[in-house]
C-alpha atoms as a PDB file:
ATOM      1  CA  MET A   1       0.008  -0.023  -0.020  1.00  0.00           C
ATOM      2  CA  THR A   2       1.339   3.422  -0.948  1.00  0.00           C
ATOM      3  CA  LEU A   3       1.519   6.318   1.672  1.00  0.00           C
ATOM      4  CA  ASP A   4      -1.270   8.126  -0.271  1.00  0.00           C
ATOM      5  CA  SER A   5      -3.544   5.140  -0.324  1.00  0.00           C
ATOM      6  CA  GLU A   6      -3.046   4.584   3.391  1.00  0.00           C
ATOM      7  CA  ILE A   7      -3.819   8.115   4.059  1.00  0.00           C
ATOM      8  CA  ARG A   8      -7.075   7.995   2.170  1.00  0.00           C
ATOM      9  CA  ARG A   9      -7.961   4.690   3.794  1.00  0.00           C
ATOM     10  CA  ILE A  10      -7.475   6.046   7.292  1.00  0.00           C
ATOM     11  CA  GLU A  11      -9.257   9.378   6.455  1.00  0.00           C
ATOM     12  CA  GLY A  12     -12.133   7.291   5.203  1.00  0.00           C
ATOM     13  CA  GLU A  13     -12.194   5.173   8.482  1.00  0.00           C
ATOM     14  CA  MET A  14     -12.060   8.373  10.572  1.00  0.00           C
ATOM     15  CA  HIS A  15     -15.005   9.860   8.531  1.00  0.00           C
ATOM     16  CA  ALA A  16     -16.944   6.667   8.978  1.00  0.00           C
ATOM     17  CA  ALA A  17     -16.316   6.871  12.708  1.00  0.00           C
ATOM     18  CA  GLY A  18     -17.836  10.314  12.877  1.00  0.00           C
ATOM     19  CA  LYS A  19     -15.195  12.815  12.029  1.00  0.00           C
ATOM     20  CA  ALA A  20     -16.373  15.734   9.976  1.00  0.00           C
ATOM     21  CA  ALA A  21     -16.213  15.026   6.144  1.00  0.00           C
ATOM     22  CA  HIS A  22     -13.924  18.019   5.532  1.00  0.00           C
ATOM     23  CA  THR A  23     -11.221  16.806   7.789  1.00  0.00           C
ATOM     24  CA  SER A  24      -8.093  15.398   6.331  1.00  0.00           C
ATOM     25  CA  LEU A  25      -4.500  14.822   7.355  1.00  0.00           C
ATOM     26  CA  GLN A  26      -3.291  17.483   5.034  1.00  0.00           C
ATOM     27  CA  ARG A  27      -5.663  19.999   6.397  1.00  0.00           C
ATOM     28  CA  ALA A  28      -4.786  19.248  10.019  1.00  0.00           C
ATOM     29  CA  LEU A  29      -1.069  19.448   9.334  1.00  0.00           C
ATOM     30  CA  LYS A  30      -1.637  22.847   7.688  1.00  0.00           C
ATOM     31  CA  ALA A  31      -3.762  24.126  10.578  1.00  0.00           C
ATOM     32  CA  TRP A  32      -1.199  22.963  13.145  1.00  0.00           C
ATOM     33  CA  SER A  33       1.606  24.521  11.230  1.00  0.00           C
ATOM     34  CA  ASP A  34      -0.204  27.813  10.808  1.00  0.00           C
ATOM     35  CA  LEU A  35      -1.136  27.966  14.515  1.00  0.00           C
ATOM     36  CA  ALA A  36       2.434  27.222  15.564  1.00  0.00           C
ATOM     37  CA  ALA A  37       3.657  30.019  13.289  1.00  0.00           C
ATOM     38  CA  GLU A  38       1.233  32.648  14.582  1.00  0.00           C
ATOM     39  CA  VAL A  39       0.633  31.715  18.228  1.00  0.00           C
ATOM     40  CA  ASP A  40       2.816  34.448  19.579  1.00  0.00           C
ATOM     41  CA  ALA A  41       0.439  37.040  18.115  1.00  0.00           C
ATOM     42  CA  TYR A  42      -2.740  34.952  18.031  1.00  0.00           C
ATOM     43  CA  ALA A  43      -5.722  37.353  17.950  1.00  0.00           C
ATOM     44  CA  ALA A  44      -8.632  35.189  17.351  1.00  0.00           C
ATOM     45  CA  THR A  45     -11.083  33.876  19.936  1.00  0.00           C
ATOM     46  CA  ILE A  46     -10.634  31.123  22.600  1.00  0.00           C
ATOM     47  CA  ASP A  47     -13.067  29.073  20.408  1.00  0.00           C
ATOM     48  CA  ASP A  48     -10.841  29.478  17.413  1.00  0.00           C
ATOM     49  CA  TYR A  49      -7.736  28.688  19.427  1.00  0.00           C
ATOM     50  CA  THR A  50      -9.102  25.481  20.927  1.00  0.00           C
ATOM     51  CA  ASN A  51     -10.292  24.463  17.492  1.00  0.00           C
ATOM     52  CA  ASP A  52      -6.911  25.134  16.042  1.00  0.00           C
ATOM     53  CA  VAL A  53      -5.226  23.164  18.908  1.00  0.00           C
ATOM     54  CA  CYS A  54      -7.476  20.286  18.221  1.00  0.00           C
ATOM     55  CA  SER A  55      -5.869  19.898  14.861  1.00  0.00           C
ATOM     56  CA  ARG A  56      -3.007  18.384  16.699  1.00  0.00           C
ATOM     57  CA  ASP A  57      -5.341  15.872  18.353  1.00  0.00           C
ATOM     58  CA  TYR A  58      -6.605  14.824  14.939  1.00  0.00           C
ATOM     59  CA  ILE A  59      -2.903  14.272  13.793  1.00  0.00           C
ATOM     60  CA  ALA A  60      -2.182  12.137  16.924  1.00  0.00           C
ATOM     61  CA  GLU A  61      -5.413  10.056  16.342  1.00  0.00           C
ATOM     62  CA  PHE A  62      -4.495   9.630  12.714  1.00  0.00           C
ATOM     63  CA  SER A  63      -0.920   8.580  13.414  1.00  0.00           C
ATOM     64  CA  ALA A  64      -2.106   6.106  15.988  1.00  0.00           C
ATOM     65  CA  ALA A  65      -4.102   4.228  13.327  1.00  0.00           C
ATOM     66  CA  ALA A  66      -1.087   4.455  10.790  1.00  0.00           C
ATOM     67  CA  SER A  67       1.736   2.157   9.744  1.00  0.00           C
ATOM     68  CA  VAL A  68       5.186   2.863  10.904  1.00  0.00           C
ATOM     69  CA  GLU A  69       6.040   4.378   7.549  1.00  0.00           C
ATOM     70  CA  ALA A  70       3.084   6.773   7.773  1.00  0.00           C
ATOM     71  CA  GLN A  71       3.930   7.571  11.414  1.00  0.00           C
ATOM     72  CA  GLU A  72       7.471   8.576  10.468  1.00  0.00           C
ATOM     73  CA  TYR A  73       6.057  10.854   7.683  1.00  0.00           C
ATOM     74  CA  ILE A  74       3.619  12.385  10.110  1.00  0.00           C
ATOM     75  CA  ALA A  75       6.425  12.914  12.839  1.00  0.00           C
ATOM     76  CA  GLY A  76       8.545  14.699  10.362  1.00  0.00           C
ATOM     77  CA  ALA A  77       5.689  16.798   9.162  1.00  0.00           C
ATOM     78  CA  VAL A  78       4.755  18.033  12.700  1.00  0.00           C
ATOM     79  CA  ALA A  79       8.216  18.249  14.311  1.00  0.00           C
ATOM     80  CA  ALA A  80       8.972  21.869  13.455  1.00  0.00           C
ATOM     81  CA  ALA A  81       5.466  23.094  14.338  1.00  0.00           C
ATOM     82  CA  ASP A  82       5.547  21.145  17.637  1.00  0.00           C
ATOM     83  CA  ASP A  83       8.845  22.816  18.489  1.00  0.00           C
ATOM     84  CA  ARG A  84       7.613  26.303  17.559  1.00  0.00           C
ATOM     85  CA  PHE A  85       4.304  25.781  19.561  1.00  0.00           C
ATOM     86  CA  ARG A  86       6.161  24.638  22.713  1.00  0.00           C
ATOM     87  CA  ALA A  87       8.660  27.450  22.417  1.00  0.00           C
ATOM     88  CA  SER A  88       5.845  30.096  22.106  1.00  0.00           C
ATOM     89  CA  THR A  89       3.517  28.638  24.918  1.00  0.00           C
ATOM     90  CA  GLU A  90       3.700  27.437  28.478  1.00  0.00           C
ATOM     91  CA  PRO A  91       1.873  24.897  30.455  1.00  0.00           C
ATOM     92  CA  ASP A  92      -1.612  25.908  31.639  1.00  0.00           C
ATOM     93  CA  ASP A  93      -1.088  24.925  35.262  1.00  0.00           C
ATOM     94  CA  GLU A  94      -4.062  27.051  36.341  1.00  0.00           C
ATOM     95  CA  GLY A  95      -6.461  25.267  34.003  1.00  0.00           C
ATOM     96  CA  LEU A  96      -7.498  28.434  32.264  1.00  0.00           C
ATOM     97  CA  VAL A  97      -8.110  26.791  28.869  1.00  0.00           C
ATOM     98  CA  GLY A  98     -10.271  24.213  30.698  1.00  0.00           C
ATOM     99  CA  GLN A  99     -12.671  27.056  31.632  1.00  0.00           C
ATOM    100  CA  TYR A 100     -13.539  27.294  27.876  1.00  0.00           C
ATOM    101  CA  PHE A 101     -12.871  23.767  26.563  1.00  0.00           C
ATOM    102  CA  ARG A 102     -13.294  20.242  27.892  1.00  0.00           C
ATOM    103  CA  ILE A 103      -9.860  18.731  28.250  1.00  0.00           C
ATOM    104  CA  ASP A 104      -9.901  14.950  27.826  1.00  0.00           C
ATOM    105  CA  ARG A 105      -6.590  13.213  28.442  1.00  0.00           C
ATOM    106  CA  LYS A 106      -7.932   9.636  27.884  1.00  0.00           C
ATOM    107  CA  ASP A 107      -7.522   9.808  24.190  1.00  0.00           C
ATOM    108  CA  GLY A 108      -3.774   8.987  24.330  1.00  0.00           C
ATOM    109  CA  CYS A 109      -2.800  12.346  22.919  1.00  0.00           C
ATOM    110  CA  PRO A 110      -0.143  14.203  25.110  1.00  0.00           C
ATOM    111  CA  GLY A 111      -2.112  16.289  27.457  1.00  0.00           C
ATOM    112  CA  GLU A 112       0.396  19.206  27.220  1.00  0.00           C
ATOM    113  CA  ARG A 113      -0.825  19.881  23.629  1.00  0.00           C
ATOM    114  CA  ILE A 114      -4.213  20.988  24.703  1.00  0.00           C
ATOM    115  CA  VAL A 115      -3.286  22.699  27.921  1.00  0.00           C
ATOM    116  CA  LEU A 116      -0.766  25.147  26.585  1.00  0.00           C
ATOM    117  CA  ARG A 117      -1.444  28.817  26.342  1.00  0.00           C
ATOM    118  CA  GLN A 118       0.392  31.833  24.908  1.00  0.00           C
ATOM    119  CA  ARG A 119       3.142  33.370  26.954  1.00  0.00           C
ATOM    120  CA  ALA A 120       2.369  36.956  27.979  1.00  0.00           C
ATOM    121  CA  HIS A 121       3.492  39.471  25.352  1.00  0.00           C
ATOM    122  CA  PRO A 122       2.804  43.262  25.133  1.00  0.00           C
ATOM    123  CA  ASN A 123      -0.820  42.709  23.804  1.00  0.00           C
ATOM    124  CA  ALA A 124      -1.607  39.758  26.008  1.00  0.00           C
ATOM    125  CA  ARG A 125      -4.680  41.396  27.532  1.00  0.00           C
ATOM    126  CA  THR A 126      -6.251  41.941  24.190  1.00  0.00           C
ATOM    127  CA  SER A 127      -4.911  39.295  21.794  1.00  0.00           C
ATOM    128  CA  SER A 128      -4.102  36.373  23.910  1.00  0.00           C
ATOM    129  CA  PRO A 129      -6.834  33.724  23.696  1.00  0.00           C
ATOM    130  CA  VAL A 130      -6.338  32.941  27.435  1.00  0.00           C
ATOM    131  CA  SER A 131      -4.481  35.167  29.819  1.00  0.00           C
ATOM    132  CA  ARG A 132      -4.158  35.264  33.626  1.00  0.00           C
ATOM    133  CA  ARG A 133      -6.688  37.219  35.398  1.00  0.00           C
ATOM    134  CA  THR A 134      -5.347  40.041  37.509  1.00  0.00           C
END
């Protein structure tokens, strides 16, 4: 089986299991890369932020169903974005994101992915999707 045919097969299985018809591995990889590139100046809403972060959950779920070859492809495709995202965010030890989004760690996806938030920056009070209350 080629990598492309495996990707199509897994996407079909995920759609059959209830994932939205518009979801795809390539779309999730792009969403994750875009979020990682702009998280330092993210100006959208908390709903947009959690939706964008969930693209990484889709990637992890997809990877869990994939062959070793496909997992290696996916790991290579997300490595730079993962590094950028971690460098631009910090753990949400106060659970602020959880006030807006149900965080479920039983899916096998690393919990740190969903419970990260922007570090404070000059516009944190207006552009950060979640900021500490003062």
